[in-house]
Amino acid sequence: MLYVGVDVHQQSFQVCMLDENGKVVKELKIRGGLTALLEALRHAGHPLAVCFEASCGYGHLHDHLAGIAQRVVVAHPGQLRLIFQSKHKNDRVDARKLALLLMLDQIPPVHVPTLDTREWRGLIEFRTRQVNDRTQAKNRLRALFRHNGIALPSGKRLWTKKALADLSARELPTSMGNLRRDLALDQVRRLSEQIHRVEKELTAIAERHPGVVLLQSIPGVGPRTAEAVVAYIDQPRRFRRNKCVGRYFGLVPTQDQSAERNRLGHITKEGPRTVRRLLTEAAWQGVRRSEHLKAFFERICGDDPQRKRIALIATAHYLVRIMLSMLKSQELWRHDAKTATTVAA
């Protein structure tokens, strides 16, 4: 067995191969893309265990390496730096470190989802970016009209087809202002059409996935939140304890503990930001619609209105742990029996 560390770059790969005793068998720099890397590893002449750090496109690389290696491990970059820090750093040293940690079985791995799951996540993130872009375009429109002394109505009624047509017909004092208005309106319409197409595809996927349907039995959890949680959890059993899922989504506080001192700070904000935002929104809706979540929120908040944000994050953390438990057990939401029965029916 050869233990192979690969330092991945856009145009090249630095490779280090160690034998079972930790001796360097071969070191080489490969140019020519993925094809050249796979060809070099095929000619190694021994069974391979390969390790590289997660980066953009790590799933694609993992899938190709899995076809020629007995074992492929994708390392978590942040945790890897904590394990193996050094002031002497270059591509050759990094590749050797990866190979050595792989041989010692000390690589902090990341979960590699299937291609379909990666594409599902990508579509969810694409929708998030389009919604953010549309919000910015809407804000530019509001600012433009406010700059010209025109107050626009608040809420969703401003963005109906009729309301957009009225905005398009409303003249501004200068031709430059009218041009900015027309371009912003075109952007809002175009992005709305794209978002509709994406949501149509996401809804079709969600309706076929039992986990997404299951999570929607929770009061305040809609299809967009449910699908994001299911897509990123992917395999519920990979979390040994339900508490681990809060750390995965960055909903746990930072901690500085030494002896009797234990300081808790802001949440870590690790993991996918899109899911964390959706969970927070779902928690707020859940507090309004579920007596169980409302009681949990009020217990954390107490009589201090300054603790509302802390209580909301704690509720989101509690909610995602319940979601993981539901996905493992395949049970409907049962804390509000009436609501869960209604949704299930």
Protein backbone atom coordinates (compact mmCIF):
# COMPACT_ATOMS: atom_id res chain seq x y z
CA MET A 1 0.00 0.00 0.00
CA LEU A 2 1.26 3.46 -0.95
CA TYR A 3 0.00 6.51 0.95
CA VAL A 4 -0.36 9.41 -1.46
CA GLY A 5 -0.68 13.06 -0.47
CA VAL A 6 -1.81 15.42 -3.22
CA ASP A 7 -1.53 19.21 -2.92
CA VAL A 8 -4.11 20.43 -5.43
CA HIS A 9 -3.80 23.60 -7.49
CA GLN A 10 -5.69 24.84 -10.51
CA GLN A 11 -2.93 24.09 -13.02
CA SER A 12 -0.79 21.51 -11.19
CA PHE A 13 -0.61 18.79 -8.53
CA GLN A 14 2.21 18.16 -6.08
CA VAL A 15 2.32 14.46 -5.18
CA CYS A 16 4.14 12.63 -2.40
CA MET A 17 4.07 8.82 -2.04
CA LEU A 18 5.03 7.04 1.19
CA ASP A 19 5.38 3.34 1.80
CA GLU A 20 3.97 1.54 4.86
CA ASN A 21 7.06 2.50 6.90
CA GLY A 22 6.70 6.21 6.15
CA LYS A 23 9.61 6.31 3.71
CA VAL A 24 9.30 8.62 0.72
CA VAL A 25 8.96 6.48 -2.40
CA LYS A 26 8.37 9.20 -4.93
CA GLU A 27 7.74 12.95 -5.11
CA LEU A 28 6.72 14.70 -8.29
CA LYS A 29 4.98 17.78 -9.61
CA ILE A 30 2.36 17.03 -12.25
CA ARG A 31 1.17 19.49 -14.87
CA GLY A 32 -1.45 18.82 -17.47
CA GLY A 33 -4.60 18.57 -15.39
CA LEU A 34 -6.54 15.70 -13.88
CA THR A 35 -5.80 13.32 -16.73
CA ALA A 36 -2.05 13.55 -16.10
CA LEU A 37 -2.56 12.98 -12.36
CA LEU A 38 -4.68 9.88 -12.89
CA GLU A 39 -2.20 8.50 -15.40
CA ALA A 40 0.71 8.96 -12.97
CA LEU A 41 -1.14 7.25 -10.13
CA ARG A 42 -2.16 4.31 -12.32
CA HIS A 43 1.51 3.61 -13.00
CA ALA A 44 2.42 3.61 -9.27
CA GLY A 45 2.40 -0.21 -9.26
CA HIS A 46 0.86 -0.61 -5.78
CA PRO A 47 -2.57 -0.29 -4.15
CA LEU A 48 -3.17 3.35 -3.26
CA ALA A 49 -4.67 5.39 -0.43
CA VAL A 50 -5.00 9.01 -1.54
CA CYS A 51 -5.60 12.19 0.45
CA PHE A 52 -6.12 15.82 -0.59
CA GLU A 53 -7.61 18.94 0.99
CA ALA A 54 -11.19 19.97 0.26
CA SER A 55 -11.45 22.89 -2.12
CA CYS A 56 -13.57 23.97 -5.07
CA GLY A 57 -14.42 20.89 -7.15
CA TYR A 58 -13.30 18.39 -4.51
CA GLY A 59 -16.26 16.10 -5.26
CA HIS A 60 -15.31 15.81 -8.93
CA LEU A 61 -11.71 14.97 -8.04
CA HIS A 62 -12.82 12.48 -5.38
CA ASP A 63 -15.03 10.61 -7.84
CA HIS A 64 -12.19 10.19 -10.34
CA LEU A 65 -9.63 9.14 -7.74
CA ALA A 66 -12.08 6.61 -6.26
CA GLY A 67 -11.88 4.72 -9.56
CA ILE A 68 -8.17 3.95 -9.19
CA ALA A 69 -7.48 4.04 -5.43
CA GLN A 70 -8.61 1.66 -2.70
CA ARG A 71 -9.21 4.56 -0.34
CA VAL A 72 -9.74 8.30 -0.93
CA VAL A 73 -9.89 10.74 1.99
CA VAL A 74 -10.76 14.41 1.62
CA ALA A 75 -9.22 16.45 4.45
CA HIS A 76 -10.92 19.33 6.25
CA PRO A 77 -8.59 22.32 5.59
CA GLY A 78 -9.34 24.22 8.79
CA GLN A 79 -8.93 21.24 11.13
CA LEU A 80 -5.86 20.04 9.23
CA ARG A 81 -4.03 23.31 9.91
CA LEU A 82 -4.74 22.96 13.62
CA ILE A 83 -3.24 19.46 13.65
CA PHE A 84 -0.15 20.12 11.60
CA GLN A 85 1.05 23.72 11.80
CA SER A 86 4.46 24.79 10.61
CA LYS A 87 6.29 27.97 9.64
CA HIS A 88 7.94 26.07 6.82
CA LYS A 89 5.25 25.69 4.16
CA ASN A 90 5.41 24.93 0.46
CA ASP A 91 3.66 22.54 -1.93
CA ARG A 92 6.17 19.76 -1.42
CA VAL A 93 5.92 19.96 2.39
CA ASP A 94 2.11 20.09 2.25
CA ALA A 95 1.90 16.97 0.08
CA ARG A 96 4.26 15.12 2.42
CA LYS A 97 2.21 16.14 5.47
CA LEU A 98 -0.97 14.85 3.85
CA ALA A 99 0.65 11.52 3.04
CA LEU A 100 2.08 11.16 6.56
CA LEU A 101 -1.21 11.97 8.31
CA LEU A 102 -3.01 9.57 5.99
CA MET A 103 -0.57 6.80 6.90
CA LEU A 104 -1.09 7.55 10.62
CA ASP A 105 -4.88 7.65 10.09
CA GLN A 106 -5.04 11.16 11.55
CA ILE A 107 -6.75 12.97 8.68
CA PRO A 108 -9.83 15.00 9.75
CA PRO A 109 -12.17 13.99 6.90
CA VAL A 110 -15.04 15.81 5.27
CA HIS A 111 -18.17 14.10 4.01
CA VAL A 112 -18.27 13.74 0.22
CA PRO A 113 -21.88 13.58 -1.04
CA THR A 114 -22.92 11.95 -4.29
CA LEU A 115 -23.01 13.89 -7.55
CA ASP A 116 -26.82 14.26 -7.38
CA THR A 117 -26.62 15.67 -3.85
CA ARG A 118 -23.83 18.07 -4.83
CA GLU A 119 -25.91 19.31 -7.74
CA TRP A 120 -28.94 19.66 -5.46
CA ARG A 121 -26.91 21.76 -3.04
CA GLY A 122 -25.60 23.82 -5.95
CA LEU A 123 -29.14 24.58 -7.12
CA ILE A 124 -30.14 25.62 -3.59
CA GLU A 125 -27.16 27.97 -3.38
CA PHE A 126 -27.88 29.32 -6.88
CA ARG A 127 -31.43 30.22 -5.80
CA THR A 128 -30.08 31.98 -2.71
CA ARG A 129 -27.74 34.12 -4.81
CA GLN A 130 -30.52 35.00 -7.26
CA VAL A 131 -32.86 35.99 -4.43
CA ASN A 132 -30.13 38.19 -2.92
CA ASP A 133 -29.49 39.83 -6.30
CA ARG A 134 -33.20 40.50 -6.75
CA THR A 135 -33.42 42.04 -3.27
CA GLN A 136 -30.54 44.37 -4.13
CA ALA A 137 -32.27 45.40 -7.36
CA LYS A 138 -35.48 46.12 -5.45
CA ASN A 139 -33.58 48.19 -2.91
CA ARG A 140 -31.97 50.19 -5.71
CA LEU A 141 -35.41 50.93 -7.11
CA ARG A 142 -36.71 52.10 -3.76
CA ALA A 143 -33.64 54.28 -3.26
CA LEU A 144 -34.01 55.80 -6.74
CA PHE A 145 -37.64 56.80 -6.20
CA ARG A 146 -36.96 58.01 -2.66
CA HIS A 147 -34.11 60.16 -4.00
CA ASN A 148 -36.67 61.82 -6.26
CA GLY A 149 -39.15 62.38 -3.44
CA ILE A 150 -41.51 59.54 -4.36
CA ALA A 151 -42.65 57.25 -1.56
CA LEU A 152 -43.35 53.66 -2.61
CA PRO A 153 -45.68 51.27 -0.75
CA SER A 154 -44.04 48.69 1.50
CA GLY A 155 -44.37 44.93 1.36
CA LYS A 156 -44.89 42.47 -1.49
CA ARG A 157 -47.66 44.47 -3.18
CA LEU A 158 -45.03 46.66 -4.84
CA TRP A 159 -43.65 43.71 -6.83
CA THR A 160 -46.78 42.39 -8.55
CA LYS A 161 -46.90 42.56 -12.35
CA LYS A 162 -49.37 45.44 -12.22
CA ALA A 163 -47.26 47.37 -9.70
CA LEU A 164 -44.10 46.87 -11.78
CA ALA A 165 -45.95 48.13 -14.87
CA ASP A 166 -47.02 51.22 -12.90
CA LEU A 167 -43.42 51.85 -11.84
CA SER A 168 -42.28 51.54 -15.43
CA ALA A 169 -44.83 54.14 -16.54
CA ARG A 170 -43.97 56.61 -13.77
CA GLU A 171 -41.69 59.32 -15.15
CA LEU A 172 -38.70 60.61 -13.25
CA PRO A 173 -37.27 64.14 -13.66
CA THR A 174 -34.29 63.11 -15.82
CA SER A 175 -33.61 60.65 -18.62
CA MET A 176 -30.75 59.18 -16.58
CA GLY A 177 -33.14 58.41 -13.75
CA ASN A 178 -35.57 56.77 -16.18
CA LEU A 179 -32.74 54.62 -17.58
CA ARG A 180 -31.74 53.45 -14.09
CA ARG A 181 -35.40 52.67 -13.35
CA ASP A 182 -35.84 50.64 -16.54
CA LEU A 183 -32.64 48.63 -16.02
CA ALA A 184 -33.51 47.86 -12.40
CA LEU A 185 -37.04 46.80 -13.36
CA ASP A 186 -35.66 44.56 -16.11
CA GLN A 187 -33.32 42.98 -13.59
CA VAL A 188 -36.15 42.35 -11.11
CA ARG A 189 -38.31 40.72 -13.82
CA ARG A 190 -35.44 38.61 -15.18
CA LEU A 191 -34.36 37.40 -11.76
CA SER A 192 -37.95 36.62 -10.76
CA GLU A 193 -38.32 34.44 -13.84
CA GLN A 194 -35.06 32.62 -13.06
CA ILE A 195 -36.05 32.11 -9.42
CA HIS A 196 -39.40 30.71 -10.54
CA ARG A 197 -37.66 28.16 -12.80
CA VAL A 198 -35.25 27.13 -10.05
CA GLU A 199 -38.01 26.82 -7.45
CA LYS A 200 -40.09 24.73 -9.84
CA GLU A 201 -37.22 22.24 -10.15
CA LEU A 202 -36.51 22.31 -6.41
CA THR A 203 -40.18 21.72 -5.61
CA ALA A 204 -40.23 18.69 -7.91
CA ILE A 205 -37.19 17.26 -6.09
CA ALA A 206 -38.68 18.07 -2.67
CA GLU A 207 -41.98 16.36 -3.44
CA ARG A 208 -40.12 13.15 -4.31
CA HIS A 209 -37.87 13.17 -1.24
CA PRO A 210 -39.48 11.65 1.88
CA GLY A 211 -37.12 13.53 4.21
CA VAL A 212 -38.19 16.92 2.86
CA VAL A 213 -41.86 16.00 3.19
CA LEU A 214 -41.24 14.76 6.73
CA LEU A 215 -39.57 17.95 7.95
CA GLN A 216 -42.41 20.08 6.65
CA SER A 217 -44.60 18.61 9.40
CA ILE A 218 -42.74 20.99 11.75
CA PRO A 219 -44.66 24.26 12.25
CA GLY A 220 -42.88 27.09 10.46
CA VAL A 221 -40.70 24.87 8.27
CA GLY A 222 -41.39 25.27 4.55
CA PRO A 223 -40.03 23.41 1.54
CA ARG A 224 -36.99 25.66 1.06
CA THR A 225 -35.77 25.17 4.64
CA ALA A 226 -36.56 21.45 4.67
CA GLU A 227 -34.75 20.76 1.40
CA ALA A 228 -31.66 22.72 2.43
CA VAL A 229 -31.38 20.85 5.74
CA VAL A 230 -31.88 17.45 4.08
CA ALA A 231 -29.42 18.21 1.27
CA TYR A 232 -26.64 19.26 3.62
CA ILE A 233 -27.25 16.59 6.25
CA ASP A 234 -27.35 14.08 3.38
CA GLN A 235 -26.81 10.93 5.48
CA PRO A 236 -28.31 11.38 8.97
CA ARG A 237 -26.43 8.40 10.41
CA ARG A 238 -23.06 10.04 9.79
CA PHE A 239 -23.74 12.20 12.86
CA ARG A 240 -23.04 9.99 15.86
CA ARG A 241 -24.92 12.31 18.20
CA ASN A 242 -27.67 14.79 17.45
CA LYS A 243 -25.67 17.55 19.13
CA CYS A 244 -23.03 17.28 16.40
CA VAL A 245 -25.37 18.74 13.79
CA GLY A 246 -25.44 22.11 15.56
CA ARG A 247 -21.65 22.33 15.29
CA TYR A 248 -21.84 21.31 11.63
CA PHE A 249 -24.11 24.25 10.83
CA GLY A 250 -22.15 26.72 13.00
CA LEU A 251 -24.92 27.27 15.56
CA VAL A 252 -22.80 26.59 18.66
CA PRO A 253 -20.94 29.36 20.53
CA THR A 254 -17.20 29.76 20.42
CA GLN A 255 -15.56 28.63 23.65
CA ASP A 256 -12.44 29.67 25.56
CA GLN A 257 -12.10 27.38 28.58
CA SER A 258 -9.18 27.02 30.95
CA ALA A 259 -9.40 25.68 34.52
CA GLU A 260 -12.32 27.48 36.19
CA ARG A 261 -12.69 30.03 33.42
CA ASN A 262 -15.17 29.25 30.66
CA ARG A 263 -16.03 32.01 28.20
CA LEU A 264 -18.68 31.56 25.53
CA GLY A 265 -18.74 33.97 22.60
CA HIS A 266 -20.62 34.39 19.35
CA ILE A 267 -21.63 31.36 17.31
CA THR A 268 -18.89 29.86 15.15
CA LYS A 269 -20.77 30.40 11.85
CA GLU A 270 -19.06 27.38 10.35
CA GLY A 271 -20.75 25.36 7.64
CA PRO A 272 -23.26 26.53 5.01
CA ARG A 273 -24.53 30.04 5.71
CA THR A 274 -27.63 29.48 3.58
CA VAL A 275 -28.90 26.71 5.86
CA ARG A 276 -28.08 28.69 8.99
CA ARG A 277 -30.11 31.65 7.74
CA LEU A 278 -33.05 29.45 6.75
CA LEU A 279 -33.00 27.69 10.12
CA THR A 280 -33.09 31.03 11.92
CA GLU A 281 -36.08 32.16 9.85
CA ALA A 282 -37.82 28.83 10.43
CA ALA A 283 -37.17 29.11 14.17
CA TRP A 284 -38.82 32.54 14.24
CA GLN A 285 -41.84 31.20 12.36
CA GLY A 286 -41.92 28.15 14.62
CA VAL A 287 -42.00 30.30 17.76
CA ARG A 288 -45.14 31.97 16.38
CA ARG A 289 -46.87 28.75 15.35
CA SER A 290 -45.77 26.09 17.84
CA GLU A 291 -46.49 26.20 21.55
CA HIS A 292 -43.56 23.85 22.16
CA LEU A 293 -41.02 26.06 20.35
CA LYS A 294 -42.54 29.18 21.89
CA ALA A 295 -42.06 27.74 25.38
CA PHE A 296 -38.44 26.84 24.59
CA PHE A 297 -37.78 30.34 23.21
CA GLU A 298 -39.34 32.07 26.22
CA ARG A 299 -37.41 29.89 28.65
CA ILE A 300 -34.12 30.97 27.08
CA CYS A 301 -35.19 34.58 26.70
CA GLY A 302 -36.64 34.97 30.18
CA ASP A 303 -37.68 38.50 31.07
CA ASP A 304 -34.71 40.09 29.31
CA PRO A 305 -35.59 41.49 25.84
CA GLN A 306 -31.85 41.75 25.13
CA ARG A 307 -31.68 37.95 25.01
CA LYS A 308 -34.10 37.57 22.09
CA ARG A 309 -31.32 37.07 19.55
CA ILE A 310 -29.61 34.51 21.79
CA ALA A 311 -32.94 32.73 22.32
CA LEU A 312 -33.64 32.68 18.58
CA ILE A 313 -30.25 31.10 17.76
CA ALA A 314 -30.75 28.59 20.58
CA THR A 315 -34.17 27.73 19.13
CA ALA A 316 -32.66 27.25 15.66
CA HIS A 317 -30.02 24.96 17.21
CA TYR A 318 -32.71 23.00 19.04
CA LEU A 319 -34.81 22.81 15.88
CA VAL A 320 -32.05 21.35 13.70
CA ARG A 321 -31.31 18.70 16.35
CA ILE A 322 -34.98 17.72 16.25
CA MET A 323 -34.80 17.62 12.44
CA LEU A 324 -31.86 15.22 12.54
CA SER A 325 -33.68 13.02 15.04
CA MET A 326 -36.77 12.97 12.82
CA LEU A 327 -34.71 12.01 9.77
CA LYS A 328 -33.13 9.15 11.70
CA SER A 329 -36.41 7.85 13.14
CA GLN A 330 -38.68 8.83 10.24
CA GLU A 331 -41.22 10.15 12.76
CA LEU A 332 -43.46 13.16 12.21
CA TRP A 333 -43.29 16.22 14.46
CA ARG A 334 -45.10 15.20 17.61
CA HIS A 335 -44.58 18.11 20.02
CA ASP A 336 -47.71 19.79 18.68
CA ALA A 337 -49.86 16.73 18.00
CA LYS A 338 -52.74 18.67 16.44
CA THR A 339 -50.48 20.46 13.99
CA ALA A 340 -48.55 17.33 13.06
CA THR A 341 -51.74 15.35 12.48
CA THR A 342 -53.14 18.08 10.26
CA VAL A 343 -49.99 18.22 8.13
CA ALA A 344 -49.77 14.45 7.85
CA ALA A 345 -53.40 14.22 6.74
